[in-house]
Amino acid sequence: MMDKRLENRPPGRNAGDDLHVGTPNALVVSECLVSQRGPDGADTMNDRQQQTQMAIEQTPDQERVRRLRGALTETSLQNENVLYAQTRGISENNGLCGFRPGYLNLASGEVLPSCFASGAPAPVHLLEGLPESWVLERDSDGRVVSTRPGIIAGFILDGRFYTREEAIKAAH
């Protein structure tokens, strides 16, 4: 696998000290604004968007704790996609903004783009391209079943890691 590690920590900072490490590029972000208009011309959100937004706003600390404790699996990635559907928190909805799926290892501070097993960049979050040291378990066919705790799925923009929540905020 190609080594595509990006250093994300400023000098003197520890991994995981501050997950708010991204600063959006204003030009890119402004091109990504998408809204729905109601009959009166005002921006609206559908029920699912409102529920998702409420869940994101009400539980950022709970979400961070869950991520720090748990290992990533294909199921957890699918659950995140359901939770963040209809927002800029999934690859399908923020790729045009320049965000690329990636991962942050809280233990080391390393940030890596999501890749296929071959090392080629992947358009969505895949576990297959992660370094062996990040993998906790593989199935009998050698596919990644889970990562070690402390691996967070998010996005990379201009060499900086964004959590899903940060990507949503940066793209609006």
C-alpha atoms as a PDB file:
ATOM      1  CA  MET A   1       0.000   0.000   0.000  1.00  0.00           C
ATOM      2  CA  MET A   2       1.226   3.504  -0.772  1.00  0.00           C
ATOM      3  CA  ASP A   3       2.084   5.559   2.276  1.00  0.00           C
ATOM      4  CA  LYS A   4      -0.098   8.642   2.099  1.00  0.00           C
ATOM      5  CA  ARG A   5       0.315   9.895   5.648  1.00  0.00           C
ATOM      6  CA  LEU A   6      -0.373  13.509   6.355  1.00  0.00           C
ATOM      7  CA  GLU A   7       0.879  15.206   9.506  1.00  0.00           C
ATOM      8  CA  ASN A   8      -2.018  16.979  11.158  1.00  0.00           C
ATOM      9  CA  ARG A   9      -0.694  18.054  14.551  1.00  0.00           C
ATOM     10  CA  PRO A  10       0.851  21.454  15.162  1.00  0.00           C
ATOM     11  CA  PRO A  11       4.091  21.290  17.178  1.00  0.00           C
ATOM     12  CA  GLY A  12       3.465  20.803  20.880  1.00  0.00           C
ATOM     13  CA  ARG A  13      -0.041  19.395  20.395  1.00  0.00           C
ATOM     14  CA  ASN A  14      -1.083  15.858  21.266  1.00  0.00           C
ATOM     15  CA  ALA A  15      -3.290  13.727  19.076  1.00  0.00           C
ATOM     16  CA  GLY A  16      -6.905  14.168  20.014  1.00  0.00           C
ATOM     17  CA  ASP A  17      -6.327  17.413  21.992  1.00  0.00           C
ATOM     18  CA  ASP A  18      -8.582  19.263  19.644  1.00  0.00           C
ATOM     19  CA  LEU A  19     -10.668  17.693  16.927  1.00  0.00           C
ATOM     20  CA  HIS A  20     -11.457  21.141  15.532  1.00  0.00           C
ATOM     21  CA  VAL A  21      -8.390  21.248  13.326  1.00  0.00           C
ATOM     22  CA  GLY A  22      -9.875  22.274   9.990  1.00  0.00           C
ATOM     23  CA  THR A  23     -10.256  25.737   8.629  1.00  0.00           C
ATOM     24  CA  PRO A  24     -12.396  25.810   5.508  1.00  0.00           C
ATOM     25  CA  ASN A  25     -11.305  27.434   2.298  1.00  0.00           C
ATOM     26  CA  ALA A  26     -13.956  30.135   1.850  1.00  0.00           C
ATOM     27  CA  LEU A  27     -14.001  29.950  -1.944  1.00  0.00           C
ATOM     28  CA  VAL A  28     -14.538  26.190  -1.985  1.00  0.00           C
ATOM     29  CA  VAL A  29     -17.132  26.332   0.766  1.00  0.00           C
ATOM     30  CA  SER A  30     -19.113  29.104  -0.920  1.00  0.00           C
ATOM     31  CA  GLU A  31     -19.463  26.975  -4.049  1.00  0.00           C
ATOM     32  CA  CYS A  32     -20.949  24.147  -1.984  1.00  0.00           C
ATOM     33  CA  LEU A  33     -23.938  25.923  -0.525  1.00  0.00           C
ATOM     34  CA  VAL A  34     -27.038  24.025  -1.488  1.00  0.00           C
ATOM     35  CA  SER A  35     -30.449  24.769  -0.098  1.00  0.00           C
ATOM     36  CA  GLN A  36     -34.030  23.883  -0.684  1.00  0.00           C
ATOM     37  CA  ARG A  37     -36.473  26.700  -1.180  1.00  0.00           C
ATOM     38  CA  GLY A  38     -39.969  26.708   0.234  1.00  0.00           C
ATOM     39  CA  PRO A  39     -43.018  28.226  -1.495  1.00  0.00           C
ATOM     40  CA  ASP A  40     -42.153  31.602   0.023  1.00  0.00           C
ATOM     41  CA  GLY A  41     -38.590  31.414  -1.317  1.00  0.00           C
ATOM     42  CA  ALA A  42     -37.038  30.824   2.112  1.00  0.00           C
ATOM     43  CA  ASP A  43     -34.531  28.048   2.764  1.00  0.00           C
ATOM     44  CA  THR A  44     -36.146  24.939   4.202  1.00  0.00           C
ATOM     45  CA  MET A  45     -35.032  21.595   5.587  1.00  0.00           C
ATOM     46  CA  ASN A  46     -36.975  18.375   5.218  1.00  0.00           C
ATOM     47  CA  ASP A  47     -37.915  16.378   8.320  1.00  0.00           C
ATOM     48  CA  ARG A  48     -34.936  14.015   8.012  1.00  0.00           C
ATOM     49  CA  GLN A  49     -32.512  16.926   7.692  1.00  0.00           C
ATOM     50  CA  GLN A  50     -34.029  18.585  10.752  1.00  0.00           C
ATOM     51  CA  GLN A  51     -33.831  15.368  12.786  1.00  0.00           C
ATOM     52  CA  THR A  52     -30.236  14.762  11.725  1.00  0.00           C
ATOM     53  CA  GLN A  53     -29.250  18.358  12.435  1.00  0.00           C
ATOM     54  CA  MET A  54     -30.875  18.170  15.879  1.00  0.00           C
ATOM     55  CA  ALA A  55     -29.049  14.918  16.641  1.00  0.00           C
ATOM     56  CA  ILE A  56     -25.730  16.424  15.556  1.00  0.00           C
ATOM     57  CA  GLU A  57     -26.220  19.627  17.559  1.00  0.00           C
ATOM     58  CA  GLN A  58     -27.469  17.866  20.684  1.00  0.00           C
ATOM     59  CA  THR A  59     -24.830  15.158  20.974  1.00  0.00           C
ATOM     60  CA  PRO A  60     -21.387  16.272  19.736  1.00  0.00           C
ATOM     61  CA  ASP A  61     -19.728  15.290  23.018  1.00  0.00           C
ATOM     62  CA  GLN A  62     -21.558  11.956  23.112  1.00  0.00           C
ATOM     63  CA  GLU A  63     -20.550  11.290  19.499  1.00  0.00           C
ATOM     64  CA  ARG A  64     -16.902  12.067  20.275  1.00  0.00           C
ATOM     65  CA  VAL A  65     -16.912   9.751  23.311  1.00  0.00           C
ATOM     66  CA  ARG A  66     -18.483   6.956  21.251  1.00  0.00           C
ATOM     67  CA  ARG A  67     -15.858   7.348  18.584  1.00  0.00           C
ATOM     68  CA  LEU A  68     -13.012   7.366  21.081  1.00  0.00           C
ATOM     69  CA  ARG A  69     -14.223   4.145  22.708  1.00  0.00           C
ATOM     70  CA  GLY A  70     -15.313   2.119  19.725  1.00  0.00           C
ATOM     71  CA  ALA A  71     -13.651   0.554  16.766  1.00  0.00           C
ATOM     72  CA  LEU A  72     -14.791   1.283  13.234  1.00  0.00           C
ATOM     73  CA  THR A  73     -16.549  -1.489  11.328  1.00  0.00           C
ATOM     74  CA  GLU A  74     -18.407  -1.612   8.024  1.00  0.00           C
ATOM     75  CA  THR A  75     -21.629  -1.519  10.059  1.00  0.00           C
ATOM     76  CA  SER A  76     -20.564   1.548  12.047  1.00  0.00           C
ATOM     77  CA  LEU A  77     -19.617   3.334   8.811  1.00  0.00           C
ATOM     78  CA  GLN A  78     -23.028   2.458   7.341  1.00  0.00           C
ATOM     79  CA  ASN A  79     -24.733   3.723  10.513  1.00  0.00           C
ATOM     80  CA  GLU A  80     -22.826   7.006  10.256  1.00  0.00           C
ATOM     81  CA  ASN A  81     -23.952   7.347   6.641  1.00  0.00           C
ATOM     82  CA  VAL A  82     -27.572   6.898   7.727  1.00  0.00           C
ATOM     83  CA  LEU A  83     -27.177   9.394  10.566  1.00  0.00           C
ATOM     84  CA  TYR A  84     -25.602  12.023   8.319  1.00  0.00           C
ATOM     85  CA  ALA A  85     -27.655  11.352   5.166  1.00  0.00           C
ATOM     86  CA  GLN A  86     -28.970  14.548   3.587  1.00  0.00           C
ATOM     87  CA  THR A  87     -26.059  16.525   5.096  1.00  0.00           C
ATOM     88  CA  ARG A  88     -22.511  17.376   4.012  1.00  0.00           C
ATOM     89  CA  GLY A  89     -21.324  14.722   6.488  1.00  0.00           C
ATOM     90  CA  ILE A  90     -21.125  11.973   3.846  1.00  0.00           C
ATOM     91  CA  SER A  91     -18.835  11.615   0.838  1.00  0.00           C
ATOM     92  CA  GLU A  92     -21.650  11.734  -1.690  1.00  0.00           C
ATOM     93  CA  ASN A  93     -22.731  15.169  -0.484  1.00  0.00           C
ATOM     94  CA  ASN A  94     -19.427  16.933   0.124  1.00  0.00           C
ATOM     95  CA  GLY A  95     -17.087  15.661  -2.592  1.00  0.00           C
ATOM     96  CA  LEU A  96     -17.861  18.640  -4.811  1.00  0.00           C
ATOM     97  CA  CYS A  97     -16.685  20.867  -1.949  1.00  0.00           C
ATOM     98  CA  GLY A  98     -13.230  19.305  -2.158  1.00  0.00           C
ATOM     99  CA  PHE A  99     -13.587  17.018   0.853  1.00  0.00           C
ATOM    100  CA  ARG A 100     -12.098  13.537   0.494  1.00  0.00           C
ATOM    101  CA  PRO A 101     -12.928  10.657   2.858  1.00  0.00           C
ATOM    102  CA  GLY A 102     -10.206   9.962   5.359  1.00  0.00           C
ATOM    103  CA  TYR A 103      -9.335   8.781   8.827  1.00  0.00           C
ATOM    104  CA  LEU A 104      -7.678  10.207  11.929  1.00  0.00           C
ATOM    105  CA  ASN A 105      -5.749   7.976  14.325  1.00  0.00           C
ATOM    106  CA  LEU A 106      -6.117   9.695  17.697  1.00  0.00           C
ATOM    107  CA  ALA A 107      -3.234   7.736  19.212  1.00  0.00           C
ATOM    108  CA  SER A 108      -0.653   8.865  16.654  1.00  0.00           C
ATOM    109  CA  GLY A 109      -2.248  11.967  15.127  1.00  0.00           C
ATOM    110  CA  GLU A 110      -1.820  10.483  11.664  1.00  0.00           C
ATOM    111  CA  VAL A 111      -4.375  11.355   9.003  1.00  0.00           C
ATOM    112  CA  LEU A 112      -4.815   9.117   5.974  1.00  0.00           C
ATOM    113  CA  PRO A 113      -7.116   9.291   2.965  1.00  0.00           C
ATOM    114  CA  SER A 114      -9.523   6.422   2.423  1.00  0.00           C
ATOM    115  CA  CYS A 115      -8.034   3.982  -0.073  1.00  0.00           C
ATOM    116  CA  PHE A 116      -8.803   0.751  -1.826  1.00  0.00           C
ATOM    117  CA  ALA A 117      -6.651  -2.240  -0.802  1.00  0.00           C
ATOM    118  CA  SER A 118      -4.459  -1.437  -3.833  1.00  0.00           C
ATOM    119  CA  GLY A 119      -3.616   1.975  -2.350  1.00  0.00           C
ATOM    120  CA  ALA A 120      -5.648   3.929  -4.921  1.00  0.00           C
ATOM    121  CA  PRO A 121      -7.765   6.744  -3.413  1.00  0.00           C
ATOM    122  CA  ALA A 122     -11.354   5.680  -2.677  1.00  0.00           C
ATOM    123  CA  PRO A 123     -14.367   7.973  -3.191  1.00  0.00           C
ATOM    124  CA  VAL A 124     -16.003   6.696   0.026  1.00  0.00           C
ATOM    125  CA  HIS A 125     -14.874   5.422   3.433  1.00  0.00           C
ATOM    126  CA  LEU A 126     -13.333   1.950   3.064  1.00  0.00           C
ATOM    127  CA  LEU A 127     -11.477   0.027   5.740  1.00  0.00           C
ATOM    128  CA  GLU A 128      -9.462  -2.128   3.325  1.00  0.00           C
ATOM    129  CA  GLY A 129      -6.755   0.444   2.627  1.00  0.00           C
ATOM    130  CA  LEU A 130      -5.886   1.194   6.254  1.00  0.00           C
ATOM    131  CA  PRO A 131      -2.393   0.364   7.534  1.00  0.00           C
ATOM    132  CA  GLU A 132      -2.081  -2.982   9.263  1.00  0.00           C
ATOM    133  CA  SER A 133      -1.221  -1.255  12.549  1.00  0.00           C
ATOM    134  CA  TRP A 134      -4.713   0.351  12.517  1.00  0.00           C
ATOM    135  CA  VAL A 135      -6.520  -2.971  11.970  1.00  0.00           C
ATOM    136  CA  LEU A 136      -7.814  -4.965  14.940  1.00  0.00           C
ATOM    137  CA  GLU A 137      -9.503  -7.873  13.169  1.00  0.00           C
ATOM    138  CA  ARG A 138      -9.795  -9.437   9.709  1.00  0.00           C
ATOM    139  CA  ASP A 139     -12.205 -12.085   8.475  1.00  0.00           C
ATOM    140  CA  SER A 140     -11.185 -15.450   7.003  1.00  0.00           C
ATOM    141  CA  ASP A 141     -10.897 -13.826   3.548  1.00  0.00           C
ATOM    142  CA  GLY A 142      -8.533 -11.144   4.879  1.00  0.00           C
ATOM    143  CA  ARG A 143     -11.029  -8.269   4.785  1.00  0.00           C
ATOM    144  CA  VAL A 144     -10.944  -5.739   7.606  1.00  0.00           C
ATOM    145  CA  VAL A 145     -13.674  -6.470  10.156  1.00  0.00           C
ATOM    146  CA  SER A 146     -12.756  -3.731  12.652  1.00  0.00           C
ATOM    147  CA  THR A 147     -10.142  -1.118  13.409  1.00  0.00           C
ATOM    148  CA  ARG A 148      -8.378  -0.462  16.665  1.00  0.00           C
ATOM    149  CA  PRO A 149     -10.191   1.992  18.969  1.00  0.00           C
ATOM    150  CA  GLY A 150      -9.455   5.666  18.333  1.00  0.00           C
ATOM    151  CA  ILE A 151      -9.738   5.636  14.541  1.00  0.00           C
ATOM    152  CA  ILE A 152     -12.208   8.275  13.363  1.00  0.00           C
ATOM    153  CA  ALA A 153     -13.816   8.473   9.937  1.00  0.00           C
ATOM    154  CA  GLY A 154     -14.043  11.989   8.575  1.00  0.00           C
ATOM    155  CA  PHE A 155     -12.770  14.059   5.695  1.00  0.00           C
ATOM    156  CA  ILE A 156      -9.604  15.711   4.452  1.00  0.00           C
ATOM    157  CA  LEU A 157      -9.590  19.130   2.806  1.00  0.00           C
ATOM    158  CA  ASP A 158      -6.397  20.999   1.978  1.00  0.00           C
ATOM    159  CA  GLY A 159      -4.368  18.578   4.116  1.00  0.00           C
ATOM    160  CA  ARG A 160      -6.526  19.034   7.235  1.00  0.00           C
ATOM    161  CA  PHE A 161      -8.812  16.500   8.906  1.00  0.00           C
ATOM    162  CA  TYR A 162     -12.471  17.342   9.548  1.00  0.00           C
ATOM    163  CA  THR A 163     -14.866  15.228  11.582  1.00  0.00           C
ATOM    164  CA  ARG A 164     -18.238  14.671   9.942  1.00  0.00           C
ATOM    165  CA  GLU A 165     -19.711  17.423  12.108  1.00  0.00           C
ATOM    166  CA  GLU A 166     -16.947  19.836  11.181  1.00  0.00           C
ATOM    167  CA  ALA A 167     -17.380  19.060   7.475  1.00  0.00           C
ATOM    168  CA  ILE A 168     -21.097  19.849   7.740  1.00  0.00           C
ATOM    169  CA  LYS A 169     -20.391  23.195   9.386  1.00  0.00           C
ATOM    170  CA  ALA A 170     -17.545  24.068   6.994  1.00  0.00           C
ATOM    171  CA  ALA A 171     -19.647  23.337   3.908  1.00  0.00           C
ATOM    172  CA  HIS A 172     -22.515  25.630   4.933  1.00  0.00           C
END
